[in-house]
């Protein structure tokens, strides 16, 4: 290869990395910003605690429902094409959310935003893995993970400042602008398309069964302990069982069960991701409510406190990614899961009088743990599959992440329903709010401890299968 060609390849890789990093940054940035703005949104639209939870959950549910189908579609129709479609839709929907007039509009548009995010989640890591050689995979995925955590880091602070200065709607206008910049990089610099599975058919039946079953399951989970909740949950579980049976007899499924049956690294790495996010994701949501309602902090002040956790994630994840290229990723990921367990255990003892230094210390430990877990775990997943399955592997990993996030918020909404009830959060229910937090963090600590044992038995070295 000539020097000119090599320089051109490097320029394309850098532009691709920039676009993927911006896309990875904007969704957690928006999510953590919205968490800070939720109390303000709730007051403006008169939303109770459970409905307020749906502002966050609807987005994640929609993304999870469409992730696997879009990841599979990316392998068939082209990863670049799907990624560009996601950026365009994300920009338009974010602007529309900024003009929402009531809670119903906001929640509906958040679902549309989740669909657009699925187009990005299902392709971003796959494109990076396609562009960069295996020897650089851990480093690049570490940088990409750092972008996620920088988004989480800036989200609470920037979201608090934006909400206090310009109103909560400005958050969505800012994320639309970020999506436009990413769109510019990918359209102008990356011309290559990847569609290694272009000769395979899209499993529409499986996509429909999966989407309806997952939606029903999460709706049922949110309605527990009512009878309707139990009925919907059972229907959702039966539907998911039917989906698994259907995929086992489909020539080109949206989810290849063989990846889980015969690929231990892939299966356990995804299980660890699901457990980790189920145990940790709701932390920002819960502590945002705690700091603003119980402690009386402004959105900007609450954001400054919550930034401790993602700053550590952003600082550590690139180094953890580089270490995963050289050493045993299993050890790094398991250490990370153990530290996350310790941080969550500290939050079990939260009360109305908890000192801020104690809270920040717990967030620092939690952030350190997550930083060591994420990059090695992502590298393990992508290194365990052949190139033609990068899209579905990326989508599966992101699906585990989002389903974990959904269950994390689902547990919170269930506890709110049982302990607080369908009322707006006010000083009269502060005791119940704190009780909900303590029970939630106790459950999350137990989950994360289980995750330690899911993370460890993957073998001493993750495979690098890129055939």
Protein backbone atom coordinates (compact mmCIF):
# COMPACT_ATOMS: atom_id res chain seq x y z
CA UNK A 1 0.00 0.00 0.00
CA UNK A 2 1.34 3.45 -0.95
CA UNK A 3 1.87 6.22 1.58
CA UNK A 4 -0.95 8.23 -0.01
CA UNK A 5 -3.37 5.32 0.28
CA UNK A 6 -2.33 4.67 3.86
CA UNK A 7 -2.80 8.33 4.76
CA UNK A 8 -6.22 8.26 3.10
CA UNK A 9 -7.19 5.18 5.12
CA UNK A 10 -6.05 6.85 8.32
CA UNK A 11 -8.12 9.96 7.50
CA UNK A 12 -11.19 7.81 6.87
CA UNK A 13 -10.64 5.92 10.13
CA UNK A 14 -10.31 9.16 12.08
CA UNK A 15 -13.47 10.61 10.52
CA UNK A 16 -15.34 7.37 11.19
CA UNK A 17 -14.13 7.36 14.78
CA UNK A 18 -15.22 10.99 15.16
CA UNK A 19 -18.72 10.22 13.86
CA UNK A 20 -19.08 7.09 16.01
CA UNK A 21 -17.75 8.90 19.07
CA UNK A 22 -20.20 11.79 18.62
CA UNK A 23 -23.09 9.36 18.17
CA UNK A 24 -21.99 7.44 21.26
CA UNK A 25 -21.65 10.71 23.16
CA UNK A 26 -24.99 12.28 22.33
CA UNK A 27 -27.35 9.57 23.58
CA UNK A 28 -25.94 9.25 27.14
CA UNK A 29 -25.46 13.02 27.22
CA UNK A 30 -29.12 13.49 26.40
CA UNK A 31 -30.23 10.75 28.79
CA UNK A 32 -28.30 12.02 31.81
CA UNK A 33 -29.32 15.59 31.00
CA UNK A 34 -32.98 14.57 30.92
CA UNK A 35 -32.60 12.81 34.29
CA UNK A 36 -31.57 16.15 35.79
CA UNK A 37 -34.47 17.93 34.05
CA UNK A 38 -37.14 15.39 35.10
CA UNK A 39 -38.29 17.27 38.22
CA UNK A 40 -38.77 20.43 36.14
CA UNK A 41 -40.58 18.49 33.38
CA UNK A 42 -42.78 16.83 36.00
CA UNK A 43 -43.82 20.15 37.48
CA UNK A 44 -44.51 21.73 34.07
CA UNK A 45 -46.69 18.89 32.80
CA UNK A 46 -48.06 17.72 36.19
CA UNK A 47 -46.66 14.19 35.91
CA UNK A 48 -46.68 11.74 38.84
CA UNK A 49 -43.60 9.73 39.84
CA UNK A 50 -44.48 6.67 37.73
CA UNK A 51 -45.38 8.65 34.60
CA UNK A 52 -42.17 10.64 35.04
CA UNK A 53 -40.31 7.33 34.96
CA UNK A 54 -41.89 6.59 31.59
CA UNK A 55 -40.25 9.71 30.12
CA UNK A 56 -36.96 7.85 30.55
CA UNK A 57 -38.24 4.30 30.05
CA UNK A 58 -40.17 4.84 26.79
CA UNK A 59 -36.99 5.90 25.01
CA UNK A 60 -35.08 2.85 26.22
CA UNK A 61 -37.96 0.46 25.47
CA UNK A 62 -38.31 1.69 21.88
CA UNK A 63 -34.54 1.45 21.33
CA UNK A 64 -34.43 -2.09 22.74
CA UNK A 65 -37.37 -3.26 20.60
CA UNK A 66 -35.76 -2.09 17.35
CA UNK A 67 -32.08 -2.74 18.06
CA UNK A 68 -31.85 -6.37 17.00
CA UNK A 69 -33.92 -5.89 13.81
CA UNK A 70 -31.87 -2.83 12.82
CA UNK A 71 -28.58 -4.57 13.60
CA UNK A 72 -29.59 -7.46 11.36
CA UNK A 73 -30.84 -5.02 8.70
CA UNK A 74 -27.46 -3.26 8.82
CA UNK A 75 -25.65 -6.51 7.96
CA UNK A 76 -28.02 -7.00 5.01
CA UNK A 77 -28.62 -3.48 3.68
CA UNK A 78 -25.44 -1.73 4.79
CA UNK A 79 -24.13 -0.41 8.12
CA UNK A 80 -23.28 3.04 6.80
CA UNK A 81 -26.78 3.48 5.34
CA UNK A 82 -28.50 2.51 8.59
CA UNK A 83 -26.16 4.72 10.63
CA UNK A 84 -26.87 7.76 8.45
CA UNK A 85 -30.63 7.12 8.66
CA UNK A 86 -30.33 7.08 12.45
CA UNK A 87 -28.52 10.40 12.58
CA UNK A 88 -31.07 12.10 10.31
CA UNK A 89 -34.06 10.77 12.28
CA UNK A 90 -32.44 11.52 15.64
CA UNK A 91 -31.90 15.15 14.61
CA UNK A 92 -35.48 15.66 13.45
CA UNK A 93 -37.10 14.00 16.46
CA UNK A 94 -34.89 15.84 18.96
CA UNK A 95 -35.99 19.16 17.49
CA UNK A 96 -39.64 18.04 17.63
CA UNK A 97 -39.31 17.09 21.32
CA UNK A 98 -38.17 20.64 22.03
CA UNK A 99 -41.66 21.81 21.00
CA UNK A 100 -43.66 19.28 23.07
CA UNK A 101 -46.83 20.76 24.57
CA UNK A 102 -47.80 18.05 27.07
CA UNK A 103 -46.63 14.85 28.71
CA UNK A 104 -48.28 12.56 26.14
CA UNK A 105 -46.52 14.29 23.24
CA UNK A 106 -43.21 14.17 25.07
CA UNK A 107 -43.46 10.44 25.84
CA UNK A 108 -44.59 9.63 22.27
CA UNK A 109 -41.69 11.56 20.74
CA UNK A 110 -39.29 9.96 23.19
CA UNK A 111 -40.37 6.60 21.72
CA UNK A 112 -39.56 7.91 18.23
CA UNK A 113 -36.21 9.12 19.53
CA UNK A 114 -35.55 5.64 20.88
CA UNK A 115 -36.21 4.15 17.44
CA UNK A 116 -33.70 6.55 15.89
CA UNK A 117 -31.18 5.69 18.61
CA UNK A 118 -31.57 1.98 17.74
CA UNK A 119 -30.37 2.77 14.21
CA UNK A 120 -27.19 4.20 15.78
CA UNK A 121 -26.65 1.67 18.56
CA UNK A 122 -26.99 -1.26 16.18
CA UNK A 123 -24.29 -0.02 13.79
CA UNK A 124 -21.77 2.28 15.52
CA UNK A 125 -19.57 -0.38 17.12
CA UNK A 126 -19.97 -2.60 14.05
CA UNK A 127 -18.65 0.17 11.78
CA UNK A 128 -15.67 0.83 14.05
CA UNK A 129 -14.88 -2.88 14.19
CA UNK A 130 -15.10 -3.03 10.39
CA UNK A 131 -12.82 -0.03 9.82
CA UNK A 132 -10.10 -0.77 12.38
CA UNK A 133 -7.91 -3.92 12.44
CA UNK A 134 -8.26 -6.42 15.31
CA UNK A 135 -4.99 -5.28 16.92
CA UNK A 136 -6.49 -1.82 17.50
CA UNK A 137 -9.99 -2.97 18.51
CA UNK A 138 -9.60 -2.58 22.27
CA UNK A 139 -8.08 0.90 21.95
CA UNK A 140 -10.79 2.17 19.61
CA UNK A 141 -13.63 0.65 21.59
CA UNK A 142 -12.05 2.16 24.69
CA UNK A 143 -12.17 5.60 23.07
CA UNK A 144 -15.77 4.96 22.04
CA UNK A 145 -16.64 3.89 25.58
CA UNK A 146 -14.93 7.01 26.90
CA UNK A 147 -17.24 9.09 24.69
CA UNK A 148 -20.21 7.41 26.33
CA UNK A 149 -18.91 8.26 29.76
CA UNK A 150 -17.94 11.81 28.82
CA UNK A 151 -21.55 12.19 27.69
CA UNK A 152 -22.67 10.86 31.04
CA UNK A 153 -20.18 13.19 32.74
CA UNK A 154 -21.20 16.37 30.96
CA UNK A 155 -24.90 15.49 30.90
CA UNK A 156 -25.79 16.23 34.53
CA UNK A 157 -23.74 19.45 34.66
CA UNK A 158 -24.63 20.73 31.18
CA UNK A 159 -28.22 19.56 31.55
CA UNK A 160 -28.52 21.36 34.87
CA UNK A 161 -27.05 24.56 33.45
CA UNK A 162 -29.16 24.37 30.29
CA UNK A 163 -32.33 23.67 32.28
CA UNK A 164 -31.63 26.48 34.76
CA UNK A 165 -30.64 29.01 32.07
CA UNK A 166 -32.70 28.17 28.98
CA UNK A 167 -35.27 25.57 30.05
CA UNK A 168 -35.33 21.79 29.65
CA UNK A 169 -36.20 21.99 25.93
CA UNK A 170 -32.73 23.35 25.13
CA UNK A 171 -31.26 19.92 25.97
CA UNK A 172 -32.90 18.41 22.90
CA UNK A 173 -31.84 21.25 20.60
CA UNK A 174 -28.21 20.73 21.68
CA UNK A 175 -28.35 16.98 21.00
CA UNK A 176 -29.82 17.70 17.54
CA UNK A 177 -26.81 19.91 16.77
CA UNK A 178 -24.39 17.16 17.88
CA UNK A 179 -26.13 14.65 15.61
CA UNK A 180 -25.72 17.04 12.66
CA UNK A 181 -21.95 17.24 13.22
CA UNK A 182 -21.69 13.42 13.29
CA UNK A 183 -23.78 13.27 10.11
CA UNK A 184 -21.35 15.64 8.38
CA UNK A 185 -18.34 13.41 9.20
CA UNK A 186 -19.95 10.17 8.07
CA UNK A 187 -21.46 11.55 4.84
CA UNK A 188 -18.41 13.49 3.67
CA UNK A 189 -15.56 11.13 4.61
CA UNK A 190 -16.76 7.53 4.87
CA UNK A 191 -17.72 6.15 1.46
CA UNK A 192 -17.30 2.41 2.13
CA UNK A 193 -20.36 0.26 2.74
CA UNK A 194 -20.50 -3.09 4.55
CA UNK A 195 -23.26 -5.59 3.87
CA UNK A 196 -21.64 -9.01 4.22
CA UNK A 197 -25.06 -10.65 4.67
CA UNK A 198 -26.64 -9.01 1.61
CA UNK A 199 -27.61 -12.41 0.18
CA UNK A 200 -29.62 -13.34 3.29
CA UNK A 201 -33.29 -12.54 3.98
CA UNK A 202 -34.56 -10.30 6.76
CA UNK A 203 -36.56 -12.14 9.43
CA UNK A 204 -39.66 -9.91 9.56
CA UNK A 205 -41.78 -12.42 11.47
CA UNK A 206 -39.14 -12.78 14.17
CA UNK A 207 -38.76 -8.99 14.43
CA UNK A 208 -42.51 -8.52 14.97
CA UNK A 209 -42.79 -11.30 17.57
CA UNK A 210 -39.71 -10.00 19.40
CA UNK A 211 -40.93 -6.38 19.44
CA UNK A 212 -44.45 -7.18 20.63
CA UNK A 213 -43.22 -9.63 23.29
CA UNK A 214 -40.60 -7.29 24.73
CA UNK A 215 -43.04 -4.36 24.79
CA UNK A 216 -45.71 -6.45 26.51
CA UNK A 217 -43.19 -7.76 29.04
CA UNK A 218 -42.00 -4.28 30.01
CA UNK A 219 -45.52 -2.83 30.13
CA UNK A 220 -46.53 -5.68 32.40
CA UNK A 221 -43.48 -5.21 34.61
CA UNK A 222 -44.32 -1.52 35.04
CA UNK A 223 -47.91 -2.33 36.06
CA UNK A 224 -47.01 -4.82 38.79
CA UNK A 225 -48.39 -5.67 41.33
CA UNK A 226 -51.79 -5.05 39.65
CA UNK A 227 -53.53 -8.02 38.03
CA UNK A 228 -53.08 -6.41 34.61
CA UNK A 229 -49.35 -6.29 35.26
CA UNK A 230 -49.17 -10.01 36.03
CA UNK A 231 -51.19 -10.90 32.93
CA UNK A 232 -49.07 -8.75 30.61
CA UNK A 233 -45.83 -10.03 32.16
CA UNK A 234 -46.85 -13.66 31.61
CA UNK A 235 -47.91 -12.91 28.01
CA UNK A 236 -44.56 -11.20 27.44
CA UNK A 237 -42.59 -14.15 28.83
CA UNK A 238 -44.58 -16.61 26.71
CA UNK A 239 -44.01 -14.40 23.67
CA UNK A 240 -40.26 -14.29 24.27
CA UNK A 241 -40.20 -18.08 24.62
CA UNK A 242 -42.08 -18.29 21.31
CA UNK A 243 -39.57 -15.92 19.73
CA UNK A 244 -36.66 -18.13 20.83
CA UNK A 245 -38.40 -21.21 19.44
CA UNK A 246 -39.14 -19.41 16.17
CA UNK A 247 -35.55 -18.22 15.75
CA UNK A 248 -34.29 -21.77 16.18
CA UNK A 249 -36.11 -22.80 12.99
CA UNK A 250 -35.46 -19.69 10.87
CA UNK A 251 -32.72 -19.88 8.19
CA UNK A 252 -31.58 -16.28 8.71
CA UNK A 253 -32.81 -15.15 12.16
CA UNK A 254 -32.45 -11.65 13.59
CA UNK A 255 -30.85 -13.34 16.61
CA UNK A 256 -28.65 -16.36 15.95
CA UNK A 257 -29.14 -18.68 18.90
CA UNK A 258 -25.97 -20.53 17.90
CA UNK A 259 -24.04 -17.49 19.08
CA UNK A 260 -25.27 -18.27 22.57
CA UNK A 261 -25.31 -22.07 22.36
CA UNK A 262 -21.80 -22.63 21.03
CA UNK A 263 -19.97 -19.40 21.86
CA UNK A 264 -19.38 -19.20 25.61
CA UNK A 265 -17.45 -15.95 25.41
CA UNK A 266 -20.24 -14.24 23.49
CA UNK A 267 -23.01 -15.60 25.73
CA UNK A 268 -21.40 -14.81 29.09
CA UNK A 269 -20.10 -11.40 27.99
CA UNK A 270 -23.62 -10.41 26.97
CA UNK A 271 -25.05 -11.81 30.21
CA UNK A 272 -22.54 -9.76 32.19
CA UNK A 273 -23.57 -6.64 30.23
CA UNK A 274 -27.26 -7.25 30.95
CA UNK A 275 -26.65 -7.71 34.66
CA UNK A 276 -24.27 -4.77 34.98
CA UNK A 277 -26.66 -2.28 33.40
CA UNK A 278 -29.67 -3.68 35.25
CA UNK A 279 -27.79 -3.08 38.48
CA UNK A 280 -26.31 0.35 37.79
CA UNK A 281 -28.34 2.31 35.25
CA UNK A 282 -31.06 3.71 37.52
CA UNK A 283 -28.46 5.23 39.87
CA UNK A 284 -28.44 8.59 38.08
CA UNK A 285 -32.25 8.70 37.89
CA UNK A 286 -32.68 7.89 41.59
CA UNK A 287 -29.96 10.21 42.87
CA UNK A 288 -31.22 13.08 40.69
CA UNK A 289 -34.61 12.83 42.44
CA UNK A 290 -32.93 12.42 45.83
CA UNK A 291 -30.64 15.43 45.46
CA UNK A 292 -33.33 17.78 44.16
CA UNK A 293 -36.37 16.67 46.15
CA UNK A 294 -34.83 15.50 49.44
CA UNK A 295 -31.69 17.66 49.61
CA UNK A 296 -33.24 20.67 47.87
CA UNK A 297 -30.41 21.20 45.36
CA UNK A 298 -30.92 22.99 42.05
CA UNK A 299 -30.56 21.01 38.80
CA UNK A 300 -27.10 22.53 38.25
CA UNK A 301 -25.94 21.67 41.80
CA UNK A 302 -27.26 18.11 41.52
CA UNK A 303 -25.47 17.73 38.20
CA UNK A 304 -22.14 18.76 39.69
CA UNK A 305 -22.44 16.03 42.31
CA UNK A 306 -23.54 13.28 39.92
CA UNK A 307 -20.65 14.03 37.56
CA UNK A 308 -18.23 12.16 39.86
CA UNK A 309 -19.24 8.73 38.57
CA UNK A 310 -19.03 9.22 34.77
CA UNK A 311 -15.80 11.26 35.00
CA UNK A 312 -14.08 8.18 36.40
CA UNK A 313 -15.67 6.06 33.67
CA UNK A 314 -14.39 8.38 30.96
CA UNK A 315 -10.88 8.50 32.44
CA UNK A 316 -10.47 4.76 33.00
CA UNK A 317 -12.23 3.15 30.01
CA UNK A 318 -9.60 4.01 27.32
CA UNK A 319 -6.83 2.56 29.51
CA UNK A 320 -8.92 -0.50 30.26
CA UNK A 321 -9.44 -0.94 26.51
CA UNK A 322 -5.70 -0.84 25.85
CA UNK A 323 -5.07 -3.30 28.68
CA UNK A 324 -7.68 -5.62 27.17
CA UNK A 325 -5.58 -5.78 23.97
CA UNK A 326 -2.62 -7.09 25.99
CA UNK A 327 -3.96 -8.94 29.04
CA UNK A 328 -6.87 -11.11 30.14
CA UNK A 329 -10.09 -9.10 29.63
CA UNK A 330 -11.98 -11.46 31.94
CA UNK A 331 -9.93 -10.31 34.91
CA UNK A 332 -10.41 -6.62 34.11
CA UNK A 333 -14.16 -6.97 33.60
CA UNK A 334 -14.61 -9.02 36.79
CA UNK A 335 -12.62 -6.53 38.87
CA UNK A 336 -14.83 -3.80 37.46
CA UNK A 337 -18.00 -5.67 38.36
CA UNK A 338 -16.71 -6.22 41.89
CA UNK A 339 -15.97 -2.52 42.39
CA UNK A 340 -19.44 -1.65 41.07
CA UNK A 341 -20.91 -4.00 43.66
CA UNK A 342 -19.02 -2.20 46.42
CA UNK A 343 -20.19 1.23 45.24
CA UNK A 344 -23.82 0.13 45.11
CA UNK A 345 -23.55 -1.45 48.55
CA UNK A 346 -22.54 1.94 49.99
CA UNK A 347 -25.71 3.52 48.56
CA UNK A 348 -27.91 1.02 50.43
CA UNK A 349 -27.33 3.13 53.55
CA UNK A 350 -28.49 6.42 52.02
CA UNK A 351 -30.74 8.60 54.19
CA UNK A 352 -32.08 12.14 54.37
CA UNK A 353 -28.93 13.09 56.31
CA UNK A 354 -26.29 11.36 54.17
CA UNK A 355 -23.14 13.48 53.81
CA UNK A 356 -22.26 14.54 50.28
CA UNK A 357 -18.68 13.26 50.66
CA UNK A 358 -20.04 9.78 51.38
CA UNK A 359 -22.30 9.95 48.32
CA UNK A 360 -19.47 11.18 46.08
CA UNK A 361 -17.16 8.42 47.39
CA UNK A 362 -19.77 5.79 46.43
CA UNK A 363 -20.11 7.32 42.96
CA UNK A 364 -16.32 7.34 42.49
CA UNK A 365 -16.08 3.62 43.33
CA UNK A 366 -19.04 2.85 41.08
CA UNK A 367 -17.52 4.86 38.21
CA UNK A 368 -14.14 3.16 38.60
CA UNK A 369 -15.76 -0.25 38.46
CA UNK A 370 -17.78 0.55 35.38
CA UNK A 371 -14.70 1.97 33.63
CA UNK A 372 -12.82 -1.31 34.11
CA UNK A 373 -15.80 -3.41 33.03
CA UNK A 374 -17.14 -1.85 29.84
CA UNK A 375 -14.31 -1.70 27.28
CA UNK A 376 -12.85 -5.20 27.92
CA UNK A 377 -16.35 -6.66 27.87
CA UNK A 378 -17.24 -4.96 24.55
CA UNK A 379 -13.95 -6.06 23.02
CA UNK A 380 -14.71 -9.64 24.10
CA UNK A 381 -18.11 -9.62 22.40
CA UNK A 382 -16.86 -8.21 19.08
CA UNK A 383 -13.80 -10.46 19.07
CA UNK A 384 -15.91 -13.58 19.48
CA UNK A 385 -17.79 -13.39 16.15
CA UNK A 386 -16.89 -13.44 12.42
CA UNK A 387 -16.99 -10.23 10.37
CA UNK A 388 -20.31 -10.97 8.70
CA UNK A 389 -21.97 -10.94 12.15
CA UNK A 390 -20.48 -7.67 13.42
CA UNK A 391 -23.81 -5.88 12.99
CA UNK A 392 -25.85 -8.43 14.90
CA UNK A 393 -23.13 -8.77 17.55
CA UNK A 394 -23.06 -4.99 18.05
CA UNK A 395 -26.86 -4.91 18.16
CA UNK A 396 -27.02 -7.83 20.61
CA UNK A 397 -24.54 -6.14 22.93
CA UNK A 398 -26.49 -2.89 22.76
CA UNK A 399 -29.75 -4.78 23.29
CA UNK A 400 -28.38 -6.38 26.45
CA UNK A 401 -27.34 -2.92 27.57
CA UNK A 402 -30.76 -1.40 26.90
CA UNK A 403 -32.77 -4.31 28.28
CA UNK A 404 -30.64 -4.04 31.41
CA UNK A 405 -31.40 -0.32 31.57
CA UNK A 406 -35.11 -1.06 31.11
CA UNK A 407 -35.19 -3.57 33.92
CA UNK A 408 -33.25 -1.16 36.11
CA UNK A 409 -35.87 1.53 35.60
CA UNK A 410 -38.64 -1.09 35.72
CA UNK A 411 -37.52 -2.15 39.19
CA UNK A 412 -37.56 1.50 40.25
CA UNK A 413 -41.07 2.09 38.89
CA UNK A 414 -42.31 -1.07 40.59
CA UNK A 415 -40.87 0.11 43.90
CA UNK A 416 -42.38 3.58 43.39
CA UNK A 417 -45.79 1.97 42.77
CA UNK A 418 -45.48 -0.17 45.91
CA UNK A 419 -43.95 2.40 48.29
CA UNK A 420 -44.89 5.88 47.01
CA UNK A 421 -47.98 5.30 44.83
CA UNK A 422 -49.24 7.34 41.88
CA UNK A 423 -48.65 10.76 43.39
CA UNK A 424 -46.38 13.66 42.52
CA UNK A 425 -43.18 13.71 44.55
CA UNK A 426 -43.45 16.32 47.31
CA UNK A 427 -42.06 16.84 50.84
CA UNK A 428 -44.92 14.69 52.17
CA UNK A 429 -43.48 11.57 50.47
CA UNK A 430 -39.75 12.19 51.04
CA UNK A 431 -39.57 9.37 53.59
CA UNK A 432 -41.15 6.97 51.09
CA UNK A 433 -38.80 8.20 48.35
CA UNK A 434 -35.72 7.49 50.48
CA UNK A 435 -37.11 4.05 51.39
CA UNK A 436 -37.56 3.30 47.69
CA UNK A 437 -33.95 4.26 47.06
CA UNK A 438 -32.60 2.02 49.80
CA UNK A 439 -34.60 -1.00 48.66
CA UNK A 440 -33.59 -0.38 45.02
CA UNK A 441 -29.88 -0.14 45.84
CA UNK A 442 -30.08 -3.31 47.96
CA UNK A 443 -31.59 -5.17 44.98
CA UNK A 444 -29.01 -3.68 42.61
CA UNK A 445 -26.15 -4.72 44.89
CA UNK A 446 -27.39 -8.30 44.85
CA UNK A 447 -27.71 -8.22 41.04
CA UNK A 448 -24.20 -6.89 40.59
CA UNK A 449 -22.81 -9.59 42.90
CA UNK A 450 -24.43 -12.20 40.64
CA UNK A 451 -22.79 -10.41 37.71
CA UNK A 452 -19.34 -11.05 39.18
CA UNK A 453 -19.94 -14.77 38.79
CA UNK A 454 -21.30 -14.32 35.24
CA UNK A 455 -18.23 -12.32 34.26
CA UNK A 456 -15.54 -14.69 35.53
CA UNK A 457 -16.10 -18.12 33.85
CA UNK A 458 -15.41 -17.00 30.27
CA UNK A 459 -11.97 -18.54 29.86
CA UNK A 460 -8.51 -17.07 30.30
CA UNK A 461 -8.46 -15.40 26.88
CA UNK A 462 -11.31 -14.23 24.72
CA UNK A 463 -11.14 -15.47 21.16
CA UNK A 464 -10.41 -13.22 18.23
CA UNK A 465 -12.59 -14.70 15.52
CA UNK A 466 -12.64 -12.46 12.46
CA UNK A 467 -13.00 -14.95 9.67
